[in-house]
Amino acid sequence: MARIRIRPMLERNEEPSSRGLEWGNPGASLFHRRTFSMQLPSIQVFFSAKGGSGTTLLACTYASALRLLANVRVLLVDMDLKYGGVEAYMGIRSDRSIFHLKPVLSELTEVHIRNITQFDPVSQVEILPSPADADLAQAIEPQEVVALLMHARKFYDVIVVDAGSEMSPVLAALCHQANHIHYVLTPDTPSLRRYAQSVSLFEKHGIPLDKVGTVLNRISQVSEIQPKDLKGIRALRLEGTVRADFHAIQPQVNLSTPLIGQIKDKKAPVYLRDVVRLVQELAGQVDSSAGQSGLPL
């Protein structure tokens, strides 16, 4: 597999901030002058068995940040086939979806895919919409999802999949093909219970648990559960945290405006800063010659 080098978008005359990772440290620039490496192509699935965990917004923001931080082609796939959701966060509308690729799956080309995808002009992410229809969702078979991903890997460097919250045969097929599964956990007991159930289902379907990393979403200083409380939980590997930032992001969410448009703003929402940091940490190993390894908050 190819290796890429990821160069954060930092103007030549900007200097990276020296601030560290702290609660409530506002006003710093989002980017450090750093380079990364990662394995390509890569299929990354975002999933949570508990609805309302913020999985879709996280997948959308992660895909957009990765595209802007790296010279890679990113395809964002909405695999919540019954309900969709990506369109609400990315500000897109389409009457075509994954379902319309069914007739050409055996000979799928980049042209076929791009005839269906929507394009976000800010992040330059290509988006493959969901049918958002229960009847059409039932018509999509797991083997068709596998075929779609295998063909898409030829044309895109990273495929980010929003998998919804239902453990179905389609999701099992997605997880088998994934290079990495980002399980989105919220800091509450019901979410932990659903995670434990998901681990059992992963094992039942033969999905290796070493593919699974957990993102603790909507964390705050008053959360019932803190990162330290997750130690010792079976098969839980914490790969990052994203802080709750409802007041800052809700206006953009209500207007279907992608958060990534604020990525160069020194007053960017804490949520966006945390997702950028997550991208930087998961993208690969930091070069020894690079600067600081932390994203200032």
C-alpha atoms as a PDB file:
ATOM      1  CA  MET A   1       0.000   0.000   0.000  1.00  0.00           C
ATOM      2  CA  ALA A   2       1.104   3.543  -0.680  1.00  0.00           C
ATOM      3  CA  ARG A   3       2.209   5.889   2.039  1.00  0.00           C
ATOM      4  CA  ILE A   4       1.315   9.543   2.013  1.00  0.00           C
ATOM      5  CA  ARG A   5       2.708  12.562   3.750  1.00  0.00           C
ATOM      6  CA  ILE A   6       0.160  14.855   5.333  1.00  0.00           C
ATOM      7  CA  ARG A   7       1.053  18.516   5.561  1.00  0.00           C
ATOM      8  CA  PRO A   8      -1.220  20.756   7.631  1.00  0.00           C
ATOM      9  CA  MET A   9      -2.408  23.897   5.837  1.00  0.00           C
ATOM     10  CA  LEU A  10      -0.240  26.536   7.527  1.00  0.00           C
ATOM     11  CA  GLU A  11       0.648  29.803   5.857  1.00  0.00           C
ATOM     12  CA  ARG A  12       4.380  30.343   5.405  1.00  0.00           C
ATOM     13  CA  ASN A  13       4.462  33.372   7.681  1.00  0.00           C
ATOM     14  CA  GLU A  14       2.477  31.772  10.505  1.00  0.00           C
ATOM     15  CA  GLU A  15       4.159  30.382  13.557  1.00  0.00           C
ATOM     16  CA  PRO A  16       2.653  27.428  15.389  1.00  0.00           C
ATOM     17  CA  SER A  17       1.441  28.109  18.900  1.00  0.00           C
ATOM     18  CA  SER A  18       3.282  26.510  21.809  1.00  0.00           C
ATOM     19  CA  ARG A  19       0.188  25.975  23.962  1.00  0.00           C
ATOM     20  CA  GLY A  20      -0.552  22.495  25.186  1.00  0.00           C
ATOM     21  CA  LEU A  21      -3.690  20.412  25.507  1.00  0.00           C
ATOM     22  CA  GLU A  22      -5.733  21.922  28.301  1.00  0.00           C
ATOM     23  CA  TRP A  23      -9.389  22.391  29.158  1.00  0.00           C
ATOM     24  CA  GLY A  24     -10.627  25.790  28.002  1.00  0.00           C
ATOM     25  CA  ASN A  25      -7.518  27.119  26.249  1.00  0.00           C
ATOM     26  CA  PRO A  26      -9.068  29.288  23.490  1.00  0.00           C
ATOM     27  CA  GLY A  27      -7.743  31.515  20.752  1.00  0.00           C
ATOM     28  CA  ALA A  28      -4.832  29.476  19.379  1.00  0.00           C
ATOM     29  CA  SER A  29      -4.217  28.658  15.723  1.00  0.00           C
ATOM     30  CA  LEU A  30      -5.521  25.260  14.673  1.00  0.00           C
ATOM     31  CA  PHE A  31      -2.397  24.021  12.949  1.00  0.00           C
ATOM     32  CA  HIS A  32       1.147  23.006  13.738  1.00  0.00           C
ATOM     33  CA  ARG A  33       3.828  22.631  11.096  1.00  0.00           C
ATOM     34  CA  ARG A  34       3.836  18.823  11.130  1.00  0.00           C
ATOM     35  CA  THR A  35       4.059  15.932   8.709  1.00  0.00           C
ATOM     36  CA  PHE A  36       2.412  12.536   9.033  1.00  0.00           C
ATOM     37  CA  SER A  37       2.316   9.216   7.246  1.00  0.00           C
ATOM     38  CA  MET A  38      -0.532   6.753   6.885  1.00  0.00           C
ATOM     39  CA  GLN A  39      -1.365   3.610   4.961  1.00  0.00           C
ATOM     40  CA  LEU A  40      -3.519   3.956   1.847  1.00  0.00           C
ATOM     41  CA  PRO A  41      -6.084   3.129   0.647  1.00  0.00           C
ATOM     42  CA  SER A  42      -8.037   3.092   3.884  1.00  0.00           C
ATOM     43  CA  ILE A  43     -11.673   2.368   4.752  1.00  0.00           C
ATOM     44  CA  GLN A  44     -12.676   3.969   8.051  1.00  0.00           C
ATOM     45  CA  VAL A  45     -16.090   3.190   9.543  1.00  0.00           C
ATOM     46  CA  PHE A  46     -17.795   5.354  12.169  1.00  0.00           C
ATOM     47  CA  PHE A  47     -20.371   3.470  14.237  1.00  0.00           C
ATOM     48  CA  SER A  48     -22.249   3.649  17.515  1.00  0.00           C
ATOM     49  CA  ALA A  49     -24.934   1.246  18.676  1.00  0.00           C
ATOM     50  CA  LYS A  50     -26.512   4.063  20.690  1.00  0.00           C
ATOM     51  CA  GLY A  51     -28.464   6.485  18.538  1.00  0.00           C
ATOM     52  CA  GLY A  52     -27.851  10.165  19.137  1.00  0.00           C
ATOM     53  CA  SER A  53     -24.157   9.737  19.933  1.00  0.00           C
ATOM     54  CA  GLY A  54     -23.055  12.272  17.325  1.00  0.00           C
ATOM     55  CA  THR A  55     -21.622   9.691  14.939  1.00  0.00           C
ATOM     56  CA  THR A  56     -22.760  11.381  11.725  1.00  0.00           C
ATOM     57  CA  LEU A  57     -21.444  14.840  12.599  1.00  0.00           C
ATOM     58  CA  LEU A  58     -18.158  13.304  13.725  1.00  0.00           C
ATOM     59  CA  ALA A  59     -17.788  11.291  10.497  1.00  0.00           C
ATOM     60  CA  CYS A  60     -18.567  14.357   8.356  1.00  0.00           C
ATOM     61  CA  THR A  61     -16.161  16.628  10.213  1.00  0.00           C
ATOM     62  CA  TYR A  62     -13.436  13.976  10.326  1.00  0.00           C
ATOM     63  CA  ALA A  63     -13.674  13.362   6.560  1.00  0.00           C
ATOM     64  CA  SER A  64     -13.610  17.089   5.794  1.00  0.00           C
ATOM     65  CA  ALA A  65     -10.664  17.779   8.094  1.00  0.00           C
ATOM     66  CA  LEU A  66      -8.693  14.863   6.674  1.00  0.00           C
ATOM     67  CA  ARG A  67      -9.271  16.101   3.124  1.00  0.00           C
ATOM     68  CA  LEU A  68      -8.097  19.607   3.971  1.00  0.00           C
ATOM     69  CA  LEU A  69      -5.101  18.487   6.029  1.00  0.00           C
ATOM     70  CA  ALA A  70      -3.871  16.069   3.396  1.00  0.00           C
ATOM     71  CA  ASN A  71      -3.451  15.833  -0.333  1.00  0.00           C
ATOM     72  CA  VAL A  72      -5.711  12.771  -0.491  1.00  0.00           C
ATOM     73  CA  ARG A  73      -9.013  12.011  -2.174  1.00  0.00           C
ATOM     74  CA  VAL A  74     -11.732  11.360   0.390  1.00  0.00           C
ATOM     75  CA  LEU A  75     -15.104   9.734  -0.256  1.00  0.00           C
ATOM     76  CA  LEU A  76     -17.714  10.149   2.490  1.00  0.00           C
ATOM     77  CA  VAL A  77     -20.313   7.371   2.288  1.00  0.00           C
ATOM     78  CA  ASP A  78     -23.661   7.571   4.080  1.00  0.00           C
ATOM     79  CA  MET A  79     -24.459   3.967   4.955  1.00  0.00           C
ATOM     80  CA  ASP A  80     -27.367   4.747   7.238  1.00  0.00           C
ATOM     81  CA  LEU A  81     -29.501   3.368   4.439  1.00  0.00           C
ATOM     82  CA  LYS A  82     -32.886   3.797   6.109  1.00  0.00           C
ATOM     83  CA  TYR A  83     -32.580   7.309   7.478  1.00  0.00           C
ATOM     84  CA  GLY A  84     -29.495   9.005   6.043  1.00  0.00           C
ATOM     85  CA  GLY A  85     -28.204  12.044   7.890  1.00  0.00           C
ATOM     86  CA  VAL A  86     -25.011  13.155   6.167  1.00  0.00           C
ATOM     87  CA  GLU A  87     -26.924  15.517   3.882  1.00  0.00           C
ATOM     88  CA  ALA A  88     -28.196  17.473   6.890  1.00  0.00           C
ATOM     89  CA  TYR A  89     -24.656  18.206   8.111  1.00  0.00           C
ATOM     90  CA  MET A  90     -22.990  18.726   4.729  1.00  0.00           C
ATOM     91  CA  GLY A  91     -25.702  20.925   3.231  1.00  0.00           C
ATOM     92  CA  ILE A  92     -26.385  18.753   0.185  1.00  0.00           C
ATOM     93  CA  ARG A  93     -29.505  17.629  -1.647  1.00  0.00           C
ATOM     94  CA  SER A  94     -29.660  14.802  -4.139  1.00  0.00           C
ATOM     95  CA  ASP A  95     -32.252  12.589  -5.785  1.00  0.00           C
ATOM     96  CA  ARG A  96     -29.597   9.947  -6.479  1.00  0.00           C
ATOM     97  CA  SER A  97     -27.964   7.630  -3.964  1.00  0.00           C
ATOM     98  CA  ILE A  98     -26.015   4.437  -3.401  1.00  0.00           C
ATOM     99  CA  PHE A  99     -29.087   2.553  -4.591  1.00  0.00           C
ATOM    100  CA  HIS A 100     -28.618   3.894  -8.131  1.00  0.00           C
ATOM    101  CA  LEU A 101     -25.232   2.151  -8.395  1.00  0.00           C
ATOM    102  CA  LYS A 102     -26.783  -1.323  -8.093  1.00  0.00           C
ATOM    103  CA  PRO A 103     -27.123  -1.940 -11.866  1.00  0.00           C
ATOM    104  CA  VAL A 104     -23.447  -1.183 -12.559  1.00  0.00           C
ATOM    105  CA  LEU A 105     -21.716  -2.715  -9.520  1.00  0.00           C
ATOM    106  CA  SER A 106     -20.113  -5.467 -11.596  1.00  0.00           C
ATOM    107  CA  GLU A 107     -18.426  -2.890 -13.834  1.00  0.00           C
ATOM    108  CA  LEU A 108     -18.253   0.110 -11.530  1.00  0.00           C
ATOM    109  CA  THR A 109     -15.975   2.930 -12.661  1.00  0.00           C
ATOM    110  CA  GLU A 110     -14.999   6.284 -11.227  1.00  0.00           C
ATOM    111  CA  VAL A 111     -17.389   7.939 -13.685  1.00  0.00           C
ATOM    112  CA  HIS A 112     -20.297   5.899 -12.328  1.00  0.00           C
ATOM    113  CA  ILE A 113     -19.486   6.933  -8.764  1.00  0.00           C
ATOM    114  CA  ARG A 114     -19.003  10.603  -9.598  1.00  0.00           C
ATOM    115  CA  ASN A 115     -22.336  10.666 -11.428  1.00  0.00           C
ATOM    116  CA  ILE A 116     -23.932   9.974  -8.036  1.00  0.00           C
ATOM    117  CA  THR A 117     -21.690  11.790  -5.584  1.00  0.00           C
ATOM    118  CA  GLN A 118     -22.165  15.327  -4.346  1.00  0.00           C
ATOM    119  CA  PHE A 119     -19.195  17.668  -3.935  1.00  0.00           C
ATOM    120  CA  ASP A 120     -18.537  19.910  -0.955  1.00  0.00           C
ATOM    121  CA  PRO A 121     -16.740  22.973  -2.360  1.00  0.00           C
ATOM    122  CA  VAL A 122     -15.148  23.933   0.967  1.00  0.00           C
ATOM    123  CA  SER A 123     -13.529  20.650   1.965  1.00  0.00           C
ATOM    124  CA  GLN A 124     -13.546  19.089  -1.541  1.00  0.00           C
ATOM    125  CA  VAL A 125     -14.907  15.885  -0.053  1.00  0.00           C
ATOM    126  CA  GLU A 126     -17.055  13.777  -2.373  1.00  0.00           C
ATOM    127  CA  ILE A 127     -20.238  12.499  -0.731  1.00  0.00           C
ATOM    128  CA  LEU A 128     -22.144   9.345  -1.676  1.00  0.00           C
ATOM    129  CA  PRO A 129     -25.673   9.856  -0.306  1.00  0.00           C
ATOM    130  CA  SER A 130     -27.899   7.303   1.356  1.00  0.00           C
ATOM    131  CA  PRO A 131     -31.284   6.431  -0.185  1.00  0.00           C
ATOM    132  CA  ALA A 132     -32.798   7.318   3.218  1.00  0.00           C
ATOM    133  CA  ASP A 133     -35.642   4.962   2.421  1.00  0.00           C
ATOM    134  CA  ALA A 134     -36.506   1.772   4.305  1.00  0.00           C
ATOM    135  CA  ASP A 135     -37.736  -0.088   1.199  1.00  0.00           C
ATOM    136  CA  LEU A 136     -34.684   0.801  -0.883  1.00  0.00           C
ATOM    137  CA  ALA A 137     -32.422  -0.034   2.056  1.00  0.00           C
ATOM    138  CA  GLN A 138     -33.782  -3.591   2.122  1.00  0.00           C
ATOM    139  CA  ALA A 139     -32.906  -3.961  -1.563  1.00  0.00           C
ATOM    140  CA  ILE A 140     -29.189  -3.364  -0.923  1.00  0.00           C
ATOM    141  CA  GLU A 141     -27.363  -6.609  -0.153  1.00  0.00           C
ATOM    142  CA  PRO A 142     -24.188  -6.961   1.942  1.00  0.00           C
ATOM    143  CA  GLN A 143     -22.240  -8.341  -1.022  1.00  0.00           C
ATOM    144  CA  GLU A 144     -23.190  -5.241  -3.021  1.00  0.00           C
ATOM    145  CA  VAL A 145     -21.762  -3.033  -0.292  1.00  0.00           C
ATOM    146  CA  VAL A 146     -18.532  -5.036  -0.393  1.00  0.00           C
ATOM    147  CA  ALA A 147     -18.364  -4.674  -4.186  1.00  0.00           C
ATOM    148  CA  LEU A 148     -18.899  -0.924  -3.911  1.00  0.00           C
ATOM    149  CA  LEU A 149     -16.100  -0.514  -1.364  1.00  0.00           C
ATOM    150  CA  MET A 150     -13.682  -2.686  -3.298  1.00  0.00           C
ATOM    151  CA  HIS A 151     -14.190  -0.651  -6.457  1.00  0.00           C
ATOM    152  CA  ALA A 152     -14.126   2.688  -4.628  1.00  0.00           C
ATOM    153  CA  ARG A 153     -10.734   1.814  -3.107  1.00  0.00           C
ATOM    154  CA  LYS A 154      -9.293   2.044  -6.614  1.00  0.00           C
ATOM    155  CA  PHE A 155     -10.311   5.680  -7.003  1.00  0.00           C
ATOM    156  CA  TYR A 156     -10.117   7.166  -3.495  1.00  0.00           C
ATOM    157  CA  ASP A 157      -7.364   7.249  -0.899  1.00  0.00           C
ATOM    158  CA  VAL A 158      -9.646   7.269   2.139  1.00  0.00           C
ATOM    159  CA  ILE A 159     -13.269   6.133   2.351  1.00  0.00           C
ATOM    160  CA  VAL A 160     -15.038   7.408   5.463  1.00  0.00           C
ATOM    161  CA  VAL A 161     -18.287   5.571   6.198  1.00  0.00           C
ATOM    162  CA  ASP A 162     -21.078   6.756   8.470  1.00  0.00           C
ATOM    163  CA  ALA A 163     -22.599   3.398   9.381  1.00  0.00           C
ATOM    164  CA  GLY A 164     -25.569   4.498  11.488  1.00  0.00           C
ATOM    165  CA  SER A 165     -26.511   2.662  14.673  1.00  0.00           C
ATOM    166  CA  GLU A 166     -28.018  -0.654  13.568  1.00  0.00           C
ATOM    167  CA  MET A 167     -25.948  -3.844  13.680  1.00  0.00           C
ATOM    168  CA  SER A 168     -27.175  -5.380  10.424  1.00  0.00           C
ATOM    169  CA  PRO A 169     -25.676  -7.735   7.817  1.00  0.00           C
ATOM    170  CA  VAL A 170     -24.707  -4.649   5.819  1.00  0.00           C
ATOM    171  CA  LEU A 171     -22.849  -3.196   8.815  1.00  0.00           C
ATOM    172  CA  ALA A 172     -21.111  -6.525   9.432  1.00  0.00           C
ATOM    173  CA  ALA A 173     -19.939  -6.507   5.804  1.00  0.00           C
ATOM    174  CA  LEU A 174     -18.712  -2.925   6.205  1.00  0.00           C
ATOM    175  CA  CYS A 175     -16.774  -3.776   9.345  1.00  0.00           C
ATOM    176  CA  HIS A 176     -15.116  -6.780   7.720  1.00  0.00           C
ATOM    177  CA  GLN A 177     -13.853  -4.566   4.891  1.00  0.00           C
ATOM    178  CA  ALA A 178     -12.819  -1.686   7.149  1.00  0.00           C
ATOM    179  CA  ASN A 179      -9.217  -0.973   7.992  1.00  0.00           C
ATOM    180  CA  HIS A 180     -10.397   0.807  11.113  1.00  0.00           C
ATOM    181  CA  ILE A 181     -13.657   1.109  13.057  1.00  0.00           C
ATOM    182  CA  HIS A 182     -14.196   4.254  15.112  1.00  0.00           C
ATOM    183  CA  TYR A 183     -16.761   3.418  17.786  1.00  0.00           C
ATOM    184  CA  VAL A 184     -18.368   6.635  19.040  1.00  0.00           C
ATOM    185  CA  LEU A 185     -19.060   6.542  22.769  1.00  0.00           C
ATOM    186  CA  THR A 186     -20.787   9.194  24.866  1.00  0.00           C
ATOM    187  CA  PRO A 187     -19.893   9.589  28.564  1.00  0.00           C
ATOM    188  CA  ASP A 188     -22.928   7.878  30.079  1.00  0.00           C
ATOM    189  CA  THR A 189     -23.858   4.433  31.350  1.00  0.00           C
ATOM    190  CA  PRO A 190     -26.362   3.512  28.572  1.00  0.00           C
ATOM    191  CA  SER A 191     -23.665   4.158  25.980  1.00  0.00           C
ATOM    192  CA  LEU A 192     -21.224   1.888  27.828  1.00  0.00           C
ATOM    193  CA  ARG A 193     -23.826  -0.874  27.938  1.00  0.00           C
ATOM    194  CA  ARG A 194     -24.398  -0.595  24.210  1.00  0.00           C
ATOM    195  CA  TYR A 195     -20.643  -0.722  23.674  1.00  0.00           C
ATOM    196  CA  ALA A 196     -20.402  -3.987  25.621  1.00  0.00           C
ATOM    197  CA  GLN A 197     -23.209  -5.439  23.506  1.00  0.00           C
ATOM    198  CA  SER A 198     -21.449  -4.286  20.341  1.00  0.00           C
ATOM    199  CA  VAL A 199     -18.221  -6.009  21.352  1.00  0.00           C
ATOM    200  CA  SER A 200     -20.140  -9.276  21.683  1.00  0.00           C
ATOM    201  CA  LEU A 201     -21.705  -8.753  18.256  1.00  0.00           C
ATOM    202  CA  PHE A 202     -18.330  -7.947  16.686  1.00  0.00           C
ATOM    203  CA  GLU A 203     -17.002 -11.233  18.040  1.00  0.00           C
ATOM    204  CA  LYS A 204     -20.100 -13.115  16.882  1.00  0.00           C
ATOM    205  CA  HIS A 205     -19.590 -11.814  13.331  1.00  0.00           C
ATOM    206  CA  GLY A 206     -15.855 -12.538  13.378  1.00  0.00           C
ATOM    207  CA  ILE A 207     -14.812  -8.881  13.273  1.00  0.00           C
ATOM    208  CA  PRO A 208     -11.331  -8.477  14.818  1.00  0.00           C
ATOM    209  CA  LEU A 209     -11.459  -6.261  17.894  1.00  0.00           C
ATOM    210  CA  ASP A 210      -8.030  -4.844  17.137  1.00  0.00           C
ATOM    211  CA  LYS A 211      -9.719  -2.886  14.336  1.00  0.00           C
ATOM    212  CA  VAL A 212     -11.889  -1.058  16.851  1.00  0.00           C
ATOM    213  CA  GLY A 213     -10.913   2.195  18.533  1.00  0.00           C
ATOM    214  CA  THR A 214     -13.196   4.318  20.692  1.00  0.00           C
ATOM    215  CA  VAL A 215     -13.794   8.051  20.427  1.00  0.00           C
ATOM    216  CA  LEU A 216     -15.285   9.551  23.585  1.00  0.00           C
ATOM    217  CA  ASN A 217     -17.655  12.209  22.245  1.00  0.00           C
ATOM    218  CA  ARG A 218     -19.322  15.149  24.028  1.00  0.00           C
ATOM    219  CA  ILE A 219     -17.054  14.947  27.038  1.00  0.00           C
ATOM    220  CA  SER A 220     -17.063  17.760  29.601  1.00  0.00           C
ATOM    221  CA  GLN A 221     -15.676  18.370  33.063  1.00  0.00           C
ATOM    222  CA  VAL A 222     -19.055  17.518  34.576  1.00  0.00           C
ATOM    223  CA  SER A 223     -19.641  14.336  32.569  1.00  0.00           C
ATOM    224  CA  GLU A 224     -20.749  11.270  34.490  1.00  0.00           C
ATOM    225  CA  ILE A 225     -17.888   9.309  32.934  1.00  0.00           C
ATOM    226  CA  GLN A 226     -14.350  10.610  32.354  1.00  0.00           C
ATOM    227  CA  PRO A 227     -11.581   9.018  30.248  1.00  0.00           C
ATOM    228  CA  LYS A 228      -9.881   7.611  33.366  1.00  0.00           C
ATOM    229  CA  ASP A 229     -13.072   5.686  34.168  1.00  0.00           C
ATOM    230  CA  LEU A 230     -12.765   3.674  30.954  1.00  0.00           C
ATOM    231  CA  LYS A 231      -9.626   1.869  32.059  1.00  0.00           C
ATOM    232  CA  GLY A 232     -10.185  -1.824  32.488  1.00  0.00           C
ATOM    233  CA  ILE A 233     -13.282  -2.033  30.294  1.00  0.00           C
ATOM    234  CA  ARG A 234     -12.976  -5.068  28.073  1.00  0.00           C
ATOM    235  CA  ALA A 235     -11.732  -4.421  24.530  1.00  0.00           C
ATOM    236  CA  LEU A 236     -12.029  -0.645  24.916  1.00  0.00           C
ATOM    237  CA  ARG A 237      -9.105   1.193  23.363  1.00  0.00           C
ATOM    238  CA  LEU A 238      -9.558   4.943  23.705  1.00  0.00           C
ATOM    239  CA  GLU A 239      -8.156   6.725  20.653  1.00  0.00           C
ATOM    240  CA  GLY A 240      -9.374  10.251  21.326  1.00  0.00           C
ATOM    241  CA  THR A 241     -11.831  12.589  23.015  1.00  0.00           C
ATOM    242  CA  VAL A 242     -14.061  15.306  21.580  1.00  0.00           C
ATOM    243  CA  ARG A 243     -15.486  17.883  23.954  1.00  0.00           C
ATOM    244  CA  ALA A 244     -19.118  18.970  24.112  1.00  0.00           C
ATOM    245  CA  ASP A 245     -19.568  22.319  22.372  1.00  0.00           C
ATOM    246  CA  PHE A 246     -23.303  22.605  21.738  1.00  0.00           C
ATOM    247  CA  HIS A 247     -23.663  26.386  21.825  1.00  0.00           C
ATOM    248  CA  ALA A 248     -20.846  26.973  19.333  1.00  0.00           C
ATOM    249  CA  ILE A 249     -21.817  24.349  16.759  1.00  0.00           C
ATOM    250  CA  GLN A 250     -25.615  24.320  16.982  1.00  0.00           C
ATOM    251  CA  PRO A 251     -26.164  27.360  14.698  1.00  0.00           C
ATOM    252  CA  GLN A 252     -24.115  25.735  11.914  1.00  0.00           C
ATOM    253  CA  VAL A 253     -25.862  22.397  12.409  1.00  0.00           C
ATOM    254  CA  ASN A 254     -29.297  24.035  12.228  1.00  0.00           C
ATOM    255  CA  LEU A 255     -28.338  25.746   8.960  1.00  0.00           C
ATOM    256  CA  SER A 256     -26.771  22.569   7.476  1.00  0.00           C
ATOM    257  CA  THR A 257     -23.477  24.448   7.225  1.00  0.00           C
ATOM    258  CA  PRO A 258     -20.376  22.207   7.419  1.00  0.00           C
ATOM    259  CA  LEU A 259     -18.238  23.068  10.444  1.00  0.00           C
ATOM    260  CA  ILE A 260     -15.081  22.721   8.379  1.00  0.00           C
ATOM    261  CA  GLY A 261     -15.643  26.206   6.956  1.00  0.00           C
ATOM    262  CA  GLN A 262     -14.242  27.575  10.228  1.00  0.00           C
ATOM    263  CA  ILE A 263     -11.050  25.531  10.154  1.00  0.00           C
ATOM    264  CA  LYS A 264      -8.763  28.550   9.608  1.00  0.00           C
ATOM    265  CA  ASP A 265     -10.530  30.667  12.206  1.00  0.00           C
ATOM    266  CA  LYS A 266      -8.520  31.206  15.382  1.00  0.00           C
ATOM    267  CA  LYS A 267     -11.846  31.207  17.213  1.00  0.00           C
ATOM    268  CA  ALA A 268     -12.943  27.922  15.662  1.00  0.00           C
ATOM    269  CA  PRO A 269     -15.286  25.839  17.843  1.00  0.00           C
ATOM    270  CA  VAL A 270     -13.661  23.582  20.403  1.00  0.00           C
ATOM    271  CA  TYR A 271     -15.455  20.658  18.734  1.00  0.00           C
ATOM    272  CA  LEU A 272     -13.723  21.345  15.416  1.00  0.00           C
ATOM    273  CA  ARG A 273     -10.362  21.773  17.131  1.00  0.00           C
ATOM    274  CA  ASP A 274     -10.748  18.407  18.815  1.00  0.00           C
ATOM    275  CA  VAL A 275     -11.684  16.659  15.563  1.00  0.00           C
ATOM    276  CA  VAL A 276      -8.660  18.198  13.820  1.00  0.00           C
ATOM    277  CA  ARG A 277      -6.484  16.909  16.655  1.00  0.00           C
ATOM    278  CA  LEU A 278      -8.090  13.480  16.300  1.00  0.00           C
ATOM    279  CA  VAL A 279      -7.295  13.450  12.575  1.00  0.00           C
ATOM    280  CA  GLN A 280      -3.705  14.441  13.244  1.00  0.00           C
ATOM    281  CA  GLU A 281      -3.257  11.777  15.914  1.00  0.00           C
ATOM    282  CA  LEU A 282      -4.832   8.976  13.882  1.00  0.00           C
ATOM    283  CA  ALA A 283      -3.292   9.853  10.526  1.00  0.00           C
ATOM    284  CA  GLY A 284       0.000   8.197  11.342  1.00  0.00           C
ATOM    285  CA  GLN A 285       3.354   8.562  12.984  1.00  0.00           C
ATOM    286  CA  VAL A 286       4.786  12.026  13.557  1.00  0.00           C
ATOM    287  CA  ASP A 287       8.138  12.625  11.886  1.00  0.00           C
ATOM    288  CA  SER A 288      10.932  13.003  14.435  1.00  0.00           C
ATOM    289  CA  SER A 289      11.952  16.247  12.712  1.00  0.00           C
ATOM    290  CA  ALA A 290       8.486  17.752  13.090  1.00  0.00           C
ATOM    291  CA  GLY A 291       7.362  20.218  15.713  1.00  0.00           C
ATOM    292  CA  GLN A 292       5.156  19.663  18.716  1.00  0.00           C
ATOM    293  CA  SER A 293       2.843  16.697  18.714  1.00  0.00           C
ATOM    294  CA  GLY A 294      -0.146  18.377  20.346  1.00  0.00           C
ATOM    295  CA  LEU A 295      -2.858  20.560  18.893  1.00  0.00           C
ATOM    296  CA  PRO A 296      -3.350  23.761  20.864  1.00  0.00           C
ATOM    297  CA  LEU A 297      -6.846  24.252  22.187  1.00  0.00           C
END
